[in-house]
């Protein structure tokens, strides 16, 4: 994940534009974050506009987009700030699963000598938290086998979720850092509520 921060260079605030139109929202059980489904909306981003379906989350003010190279690590571990210049990798809810144990071994080996290894957590101290995040993302992308393609169930249900920044003439920065995973997810059978089955490579 790349955090771009606020769009400080924008000269127009579109959040309260006089000609703003309401955006229709919808929700289907197949578009799930939880068992009760979620609310979605179709937005157009970039120039020319790319339609993407976003999931609305009342607990965050951030707009998050999915790049086509995005891969999901599952709930093996979480990356959390631990100080002004320190970031910690702490166990996730699935840390005791075999795949998570393998991910922990791989990321620990990649960060050996750069971070301090605890019994269950890894602590990295860098010039800034952003430097730590970048170092961890780079190590993970080179060494860890991801669980699956990001938003694979939504893609299977036909949602346009990938944003292509390279296709937008107004997206900045033009060359933001990429952390594409070197290793593909293992093949797996995935079934979703929209009654499609897909074999992921």
C-alpha atoms as a PDB file:
ATOM      1  CA  UNK A   1       0.000   0.000   0.000  1.00  0.00           C
ATOM      2  CA  UNK A   2       1.266   3.458  -0.910  1.00  0.00           C
ATOM      3  CA  UNK A   3      -0.056   6.366   1.167  1.00  0.00           C
ATOM      4  CA  UNK A   4      -0.153   9.418  -1.081  1.00  0.00           C
ATOM      5  CA  UNK A   5      -1.370  11.849   1.581  1.00  0.00           C
ATOM      6  CA  UNK A   6      -3.630  14.876   1.025  1.00  0.00           C
ATOM      7  CA  UNK A   7      -3.922  16.382  -2.440  1.00  0.00           C
ATOM      8  CA  UNK A   8      -2.284  19.655  -1.419  1.00  0.00           C
ATOM      9  CA  UNK A   9      -1.907  20.876  -4.991  1.00  0.00           C
ATOM     10  CA  UNK A  10      -5.619  20.756  -5.842  1.00  0.00           C
ATOM     11  CA  UNK A  11      -7.143  24.174  -6.509  1.00  0.00           C
ATOM     12  CA  UNK A  12     -10.799  23.170  -6.421  1.00  0.00           C
ATOM     13  CA  UNK A  13     -12.744  21.470  -3.638  1.00  0.00           C
ATOM     14  CA  UNK A  14     -15.201  19.079  -5.263  1.00  0.00           C
ATOM     15  CA  UNK A  15     -16.656  17.871  -1.987  1.00  0.00           C
ATOM     16  CA  UNK A  16     -19.142  20.767  -1.864  1.00  0.00           C
ATOM     17  CA  UNK A  17     -19.358  21.800  -5.520  1.00  0.00           C
ATOM     18  CA  UNK A  18     -22.569  23.725  -6.356  1.00  0.00           C
ATOM     19  CA  UNK A  19     -23.373  21.371  -9.245  1.00  0.00           C
ATOM     20  CA  UNK A  20     -22.540  18.212  -7.324  1.00  0.00           C
ATOM     21  CA  UNK A  21     -24.904  15.319  -7.975  1.00  0.00           C
ATOM     22  CA  UNK A  22     -25.818  12.581  -5.502  1.00  0.00           C
ATOM     23  CA  UNK A  23     -24.076   9.247  -6.110  1.00  0.00           C
ATOM     24  CA  UNK A  24     -26.403   6.226  -6.135  1.00  0.00           C
ATOM     25  CA  UNK A  25     -25.442   3.543  -3.639  1.00  0.00           C
ATOM     26  CA  UNK A  26     -26.204  -0.163  -3.614  1.00  0.00           C
ATOM     27  CA  UNK A  27     -25.405  -3.295  -1.695  1.00  0.00           C
ATOM     28  CA  UNK A  28     -25.483  -6.987  -2.561  1.00  0.00           C
ATOM     29  CA  UNK A  29     -24.709  -9.971  -0.335  1.00  0.00           C
ATOM     30  CA  UNK A  30     -22.083 -11.084  -2.876  1.00  0.00           C
ATOM     31  CA  UNK A  31     -20.081  -7.891  -2.296  1.00  0.00           C
ATOM     32  CA  UNK A  32     -19.111  -8.845   1.214  1.00  0.00           C
ATOM     33  CA  UNK A  33     -16.902  -7.370   3.857  1.00  0.00           C
ATOM     34  CA  UNK A  34     -18.951  -9.147   6.523  1.00  0.00           C
ATOM     35  CA  UNK A  35     -21.887 -11.502   6.657  1.00  0.00           C
ATOM     36  CA  UNK A  36     -24.433  -8.688   6.267  1.00  0.00           C
ATOM     37  CA  UNK A  37     -22.919  -7.364   3.011  1.00  0.00           C
ATOM     38  CA  UNK A  38     -21.782  -3.801   2.442  1.00  0.00           C
ATOM     39  CA  UNK A  39     -22.769  -0.569   0.699  1.00  0.00           C
ATOM     40  CA  UNK A  40     -21.051   0.302  -2.574  1.00  0.00           C
ATOM     41  CA  UNK A  41     -20.966   3.272  -4.952  1.00  0.00           C
ATOM     42  CA  UNK A  42     -19.639   3.782  -8.476  1.00  0.00           C
ATOM     43  CA  UNK A  43     -17.123   6.623  -8.862  1.00  0.00           C
ATOM     44  CA  UNK A  44     -15.127   7.976 -11.787  1.00  0.00           C
ATOM     45  CA  UNK A  45     -11.493   8.760 -10.998  1.00  0.00           C
ATOM     46  CA  UNK A  46      -8.750  10.263 -13.135  1.00  0.00           C
ATOM     47  CA  UNK A  47      -8.750  11.900 -16.572  1.00  0.00           C
ATOM     48  CA  UNK A  48     -10.348  10.401 -18.522  1.00  0.00           C
ATOM     49  CA  UNK A  49     -12.581   9.044 -15.757  1.00  0.00           C
ATOM     50  CA  UNK A  50     -12.174   5.385 -14.820  1.00  0.00           C
ATOM     51  CA  UNK A  51     -15.230   3.825 -13.223  1.00  0.00           C
ATOM     52  CA  UNK A  52     -14.486   1.910 -10.039  1.00  0.00           C
ATOM     53  CA  UNK A  53     -16.811   0.456  -7.439  1.00  0.00           C
ATOM     54  CA  UNK A  54     -15.884   1.515  -3.915  1.00  0.00           C
ATOM     55  CA  UNK A  55     -17.048   0.109  -0.600  1.00  0.00           C
ATOM     56  CA  UNK A  56     -18.244   2.744   1.840  1.00  0.00           C
ATOM     57  CA  UNK A  57     -16.784   2.596   5.336  1.00  0.00           C
ATOM     58  CA  UNK A  58     -18.144   5.024   7.920  1.00  0.00           C
ATOM     59  CA  UNK A  59     -15.070   4.486  10.099  1.00  0.00           C
ATOM     60  CA  UNK A  60     -12.606   6.144   7.707  1.00  0.00           C
ATOM     61  CA  UNK A  61     -12.332   9.343   5.694  1.00  0.00           C
ATOM     62  CA  UNK A  62      -9.699   7.900   3.328  1.00  0.00           C
ATOM     63  CA  UNK A  63     -10.258   6.967  -0.312  1.00  0.00           C
ATOM     64  CA  UNK A  64      -8.424   3.733  -1.059  1.00  0.00           C
ATOM     65  CA  UNK A  65      -7.875   2.398  -4.559  1.00  0.00           C
ATOM     66  CA  UNK A  66      -6.768  -1.037  -5.719  1.00  0.00           C
ATOM     67  CA  UNK A  67      -3.954  -1.416  -8.240  1.00  0.00           C
ATOM     68  CA  UNK A  68      -4.040  -4.428 -10.548  1.00  0.00           C
ATOM     69  CA  UNK A  69      -0.784  -5.726  -8.980  1.00  0.00           C
ATOM     70  CA  UNK A  70      -2.277  -5.646  -5.445  1.00  0.00           C
ATOM     71  CA  UNK A  71      -2.059  -8.918  -3.506  1.00  0.00           C
ATOM     72  CA  UNK A  72      -3.562  -9.866  -0.142  1.00  0.00           C
ATOM     73  CA  UNK A  73      -1.408 -11.266   2.669  1.00  0.00           C
ATOM     74  CA  UNK A  74      -4.419 -12.343   4.729  1.00  0.00           C
ATOM     75  CA  UNK A  75      -4.539 -11.830   8.501  1.00  0.00           C
ATOM     76  CA  UNK A  76      -1.064 -13.159   9.242  1.00  0.00           C
ATOM     77  CA  UNK A  77       0.395  -9.995  10.699  1.00  0.00           C
ATOM     78  CA  UNK A  78      -0.268  -6.270  10.931  1.00  0.00           C
ATOM     79  CA  UNK A  79       2.123  -3.363  10.425  1.00  0.00           C
ATOM     80  CA  UNK A  80       1.598  -0.751  13.129  1.00  0.00           C
ATOM     81  CA  UNK A  81       3.345   2.472  14.180  1.00  0.00           C
ATOM     82  CA  UNK A  82       5.272   1.943  17.423  1.00  0.00           C
ATOM     83  CA  UNK A  83       6.898   5.368  17.747  1.00  0.00           C
ATOM     84  CA  UNK A  84       7.935   8.434  15.758  1.00  0.00           C
ATOM     85  CA  UNK A  85      10.479   6.430  13.750  1.00  0.00           C
ATOM     86  CA  UNK A  86       9.514   2.865  14.723  1.00  0.00           C
ATOM     87  CA  UNK A  87       7.133   0.378  13.130  1.00  0.00           C
ATOM     88  CA  UNK A  88       6.166  -3.052  14.466  1.00  0.00           C
ATOM     89  CA  UNK A  89       4.967  -6.209  12.747  1.00  0.00           C
ATOM     90  CA  UNK A  90       2.535  -7.786  15.200  1.00  0.00           C
ATOM     91  CA  UNK A  91       0.698 -11.129  14.921  1.00  0.00           C
ATOM     92  CA  UNK A  92      -2.646 -11.140  13.129  1.00  0.00           C
ATOM     93  CA  UNK A  93      -5.638 -13.303  13.947  1.00  0.00           C
ATOM     94  CA  UNK A  94      -4.463 -16.161  11.687  1.00  0.00           C
ATOM     95  CA  UNK A  95      -0.810 -16.172  12.763  1.00  0.00           C
ATOM     96  CA  UNK A  96      -0.966 -19.807  13.914  1.00  0.00           C
ATOM     97  CA  UNK A  97      -2.050 -21.058  10.479  1.00  0.00           C
ATOM     98  CA  UNK A  98       0.681 -22.869   8.456  1.00  0.00           C
ATOM     99  CA  UNK A  99       0.699 -20.294   5.642  1.00  0.00           C
ATOM    100  CA  UNK A 100       1.065 -17.477   8.169  1.00  0.00           C
ATOM    101  CA  UNK A 101       3.939 -19.234   9.893  1.00  0.00           C
ATOM    102  CA  UNK A 102       5.678 -19.486   6.519  1.00  0.00           C
ATOM    103  CA  UNK A 103       5.047 -15.790   5.845  1.00  0.00           C
ATOM    104  CA  UNK A 104       6.490 -14.925   9.268  1.00  0.00           C
ATOM    105  CA  UNK A 105       9.634 -16.946   8.533  1.00  0.00           C
ATOM    106  CA  UNK A 106      10.041 -15.341   5.104  1.00  0.00           C
ATOM    107  CA  UNK A 107       9.560 -11.745   6.256  1.00  0.00           C
ATOM    108  CA  UNK A 108      11.757 -12.265   9.342  1.00  0.00           C
ATOM    109  CA  UNK A 109      14.568 -13.638   7.154  1.00  0.00           C
ATOM    110  CA  UNK A 110      14.217 -10.695   4.745  1.00  0.00           C
ATOM    111  CA  UNK A 111      14.424  -8.185   7.622  1.00  0.00           C
ATOM    112  CA  UNK A 112      17.232  -9.947   9.519  1.00  0.00           C
ATOM    113  CA  UNK A 113      19.915  -7.430  10.433  1.00  0.00           C
ATOM    114  CA  UNK A 114      17.608  -4.490   9.659  1.00  0.00           C
ATOM    115  CA  UNK A 115      15.061  -4.946  12.460  1.00  0.00           C
ATOM    116  CA  UNK A 116      14.911  -6.363  15.975  1.00  0.00           C
ATOM    117  CA  UNK A 117      13.283  -9.793  16.204  1.00  0.00           C
ATOM    118  CA  UNK A 118      11.012 -10.433  19.192  1.00  0.00           C
ATOM    119  CA  UNK A 119       9.378 -13.718  20.162  1.00  0.00           C
ATOM    120  CA  UNK A 120       6.164 -12.800  18.301  1.00  0.00           C
ATOM    121  CA  UNK A 121       6.751  -9.333  16.870  1.00  0.00           C
ATOM    122  CA  UNK A 122       9.363  -7.573  14.733  1.00  0.00           C
ATOM    123  CA  UNK A 123      10.410  -3.972  15.498  1.00  0.00           C
ATOM    124  CA  UNK A 124      11.998  -1.734  12.861  1.00  0.00           C
ATOM    125  CA  UNK A 125      13.570   1.655  13.628  1.00  0.00           C
ATOM    126  CA  UNK A 126      14.181   3.896  10.609  1.00  0.00           C
ATOM    127  CA  UNK A 127      14.607   7.569   9.826  1.00  0.00           C
ATOM    128  CA  UNK A 128      10.818   7.874   9.721  1.00  0.00           C
ATOM    129  CA  UNK A 129       7.784   5.621   9.897  1.00  0.00           C
ATOM    130  CA  UNK A 130       7.314   6.064   6.138  1.00  0.00           C
ATOM    131  CA  UNK A 131      10.851   4.729   5.573  1.00  0.00           C
ATOM    132  CA  UNK A 132      10.013   1.712   7.757  1.00  0.00           C
ATOM    133  CA  UNK A 133       6.762   1.049   5.898  1.00  0.00           C
ATOM    134  CA  UNK A 134       8.604   1.187   2.563  1.00  0.00           C
ATOM    135  CA  UNK A 135      11.350  -1.153   3.799  1.00  0.00           C
ATOM    136  CA  UNK A 136       8.824  -3.692   5.118  1.00  0.00           C
ATOM    137  CA  UNK A 137       6.729  -3.527   1.938  1.00  0.00           C
ATOM    138  CA  UNK A 138       9.797  -4.054  -0.217  1.00  0.00           C
ATOM    139  CA  UNK A 139      10.936  -7.013   1.896  1.00  0.00           C
ATOM    140  CA  UNK A 140       7.475  -8.580   1.818  1.00  0.00           C
ATOM    141  CA  UNK A 141       7.041  -8.104  -1.935  1.00  0.00           C
ATOM    142  CA  UNK A 142      10.346  -9.850  -2.642  1.00  0.00           C
ATOM    143  CA  UNK A 143      10.080 -12.740  -0.199  1.00  0.00           C
ATOM    144  CA  UNK A 144       6.492 -13.494   0.874  1.00  0.00           C
ATOM    145  CA  UNK A 145       3.964 -15.613  -1.029  1.00  0.00           C
ATOM    146  CA  UNK A 146       0.651 -13.676  -0.894  1.00  0.00           C
ATOM    147  CA  UNK A 147      -2.664 -15.361  -0.083  1.00  0.00           C
ATOM    148  CA  UNK A 148      -4.672 -14.117  -3.055  1.00  0.00           C
ATOM    149  CA  UNK A 149      -5.397 -11.321  -5.507  1.00  0.00           C
ATOM    150  CA  UNK A 150      -6.860  -8.244  -3.800  1.00  0.00           C
ATOM    151  CA  UNK A 151     -10.665  -8.011  -3.988  1.00  0.00           C
ATOM    152  CA  UNK A 152     -10.800 -11.296  -5.916  1.00  0.00           C
ATOM    153  CA  UNK A 153     -14.393 -12.025  -4.868  1.00  0.00           C
ATOM    154  CA  UNK A 154     -15.549  -8.560  -5.966  1.00  0.00           C
ATOM    155  CA  UNK A 155     -13.795  -9.020  -9.308  1.00  0.00           C
ATOM    156  CA  UNK A 156     -15.489 -12.390  -9.695  1.00  0.00           C
ATOM    157  CA  UNK A 157     -18.842 -10.675  -9.166  1.00  0.00           C
ATOM    158  CA  UNK A 158     -18.067  -8.220 -11.967  1.00  0.00           C
ATOM    159  CA  UNK A 159     -17.177  -5.119  -9.937  1.00  0.00           C
ATOM    160  CA  UNK A 160     -14.702  -2.745 -11.632  1.00  0.00           C
ATOM    161  CA  UNK A 161     -12.291  -2.248  -8.740  1.00  0.00           C
ATOM    162  CA  UNK A 162      -8.829  -1.714 -10.267  1.00  0.00           C
ATOM    163  CA  UNK A 163      -7.609   1.852 -10.762  1.00  0.00           C
ATOM    164  CA  UNK A 164      -4.902   2.369 -13.403  1.00  0.00           C
ATOM    165  CA  UNK A 165      -2.960   5.545 -12.482  1.00  0.00           C
ATOM    166  CA  UNK A 166      -0.814   5.288 -15.603  1.00  0.00           C
ATOM    167  CA  UNK A 167      -3.946   5.792 -17.738  1.00  0.00           C
ATOM    168  CA  UNK A 168      -4.807   9.114 -16.081  1.00  0.00           C
ATOM    169  CA  UNK A 169      -3.257  12.343 -17.346  1.00  0.00           C
ATOM    170  CA  UNK A 170      -3.984  14.173 -14.089  1.00  0.00           C
ATOM    171  CA  UNK A 171      -2.918  11.580 -11.494  1.00  0.00           C
ATOM    172  CA  UNK A 172       0.109  12.560  -9.402  1.00  0.00           C
ATOM    173  CA  UNK A 173       2.765  11.465  -8.636  1.00  0.00           C
ATOM    174  CA  UNK A 174       3.340  10.038 -12.106  1.00  0.00           C
ATOM    175  CA  UNK A 175       5.815   7.415 -10.858  1.00  0.00           C
ATOM    176  CA  UNK A 176       4.863   6.381  -7.350  1.00  0.00           C
ATOM    177  CA  UNK A 177       6.743   3.434  -5.785  1.00  0.00           C
ATOM    178  CA  UNK A 178       5.563  -0.034  -6.748  1.00  0.00           C
ATOM    179  CA  UNK A 179       5.736  -3.057  -4.474  1.00  0.00           C
ATOM    180  CA  UNK A 180       4.467  -5.758  -6.832  1.00  0.00           C
ATOM    181  CA  UNK A 181       4.959  -9.241  -5.363  1.00  0.00           C
ATOM    182  CA  UNK A 182       7.627 -11.332  -7.039  1.00  0.00           C
ATOM    183  CA  UNK A 183       5.813 -14.586  -6.160  1.00  0.00           C
ATOM    184  CA  UNK A 184       2.217 -15.334  -7.240  1.00  0.00           C
ATOM    185  CA  UNK A 185      -0.449 -16.667  -4.878  1.00  0.00           C
ATOM    186  CA  UNK A 186      -0.887 -20.429  -4.847  1.00  0.00           C
ATOM    187  CA  UNK A 187      -3.764 -21.880  -6.846  1.00  0.00           C
ATOM    188  CA  UNK A 188      -6.977 -22.053  -4.872  1.00  0.00           C
ATOM    189  CA  UNK A 189     -10.649 -22.660  -5.396  1.00  0.00           C
ATOM    190  CA  UNK A 190     -12.716 -19.616  -4.443  1.00  0.00           C
ATOM    191  CA  UNK A 191     -16.537 -19.566  -4.284  1.00  0.00           C
ATOM    192  CA  UNK A 192     -18.539 -16.385  -3.778  1.00  0.00           C
ATOM    193  CA  UNK A 193     -22.193 -15.631  -3.234  1.00  0.00           C
ATOM    194  CA  UNK A 194     -22.724 -14.346  -6.764  1.00  0.00           C
ATOM    195  CA  UNK A 195     -22.474 -18.032  -7.815  1.00  0.00           C
ATOM    196  CA  UNK A 196     -19.222 -17.852  -9.754  1.00  0.00           C
ATOM    197  CA  UNK A 197     -16.192 -20.029  -9.177  1.00  0.00           C
ATOM    198  CA  UNK A 198     -12.699 -18.909 -10.155  1.00  0.00           C
ATOM    199  CA  UNK A 199      -9.297 -20.584 -10.047  1.00  0.00           C
ATOM    200  CA  UNK A 200      -6.701 -17.988  -9.034  1.00  0.00           C
ATOM    201  CA  UNK A 201      -3.137 -18.140 -10.349  1.00  0.00           C
END
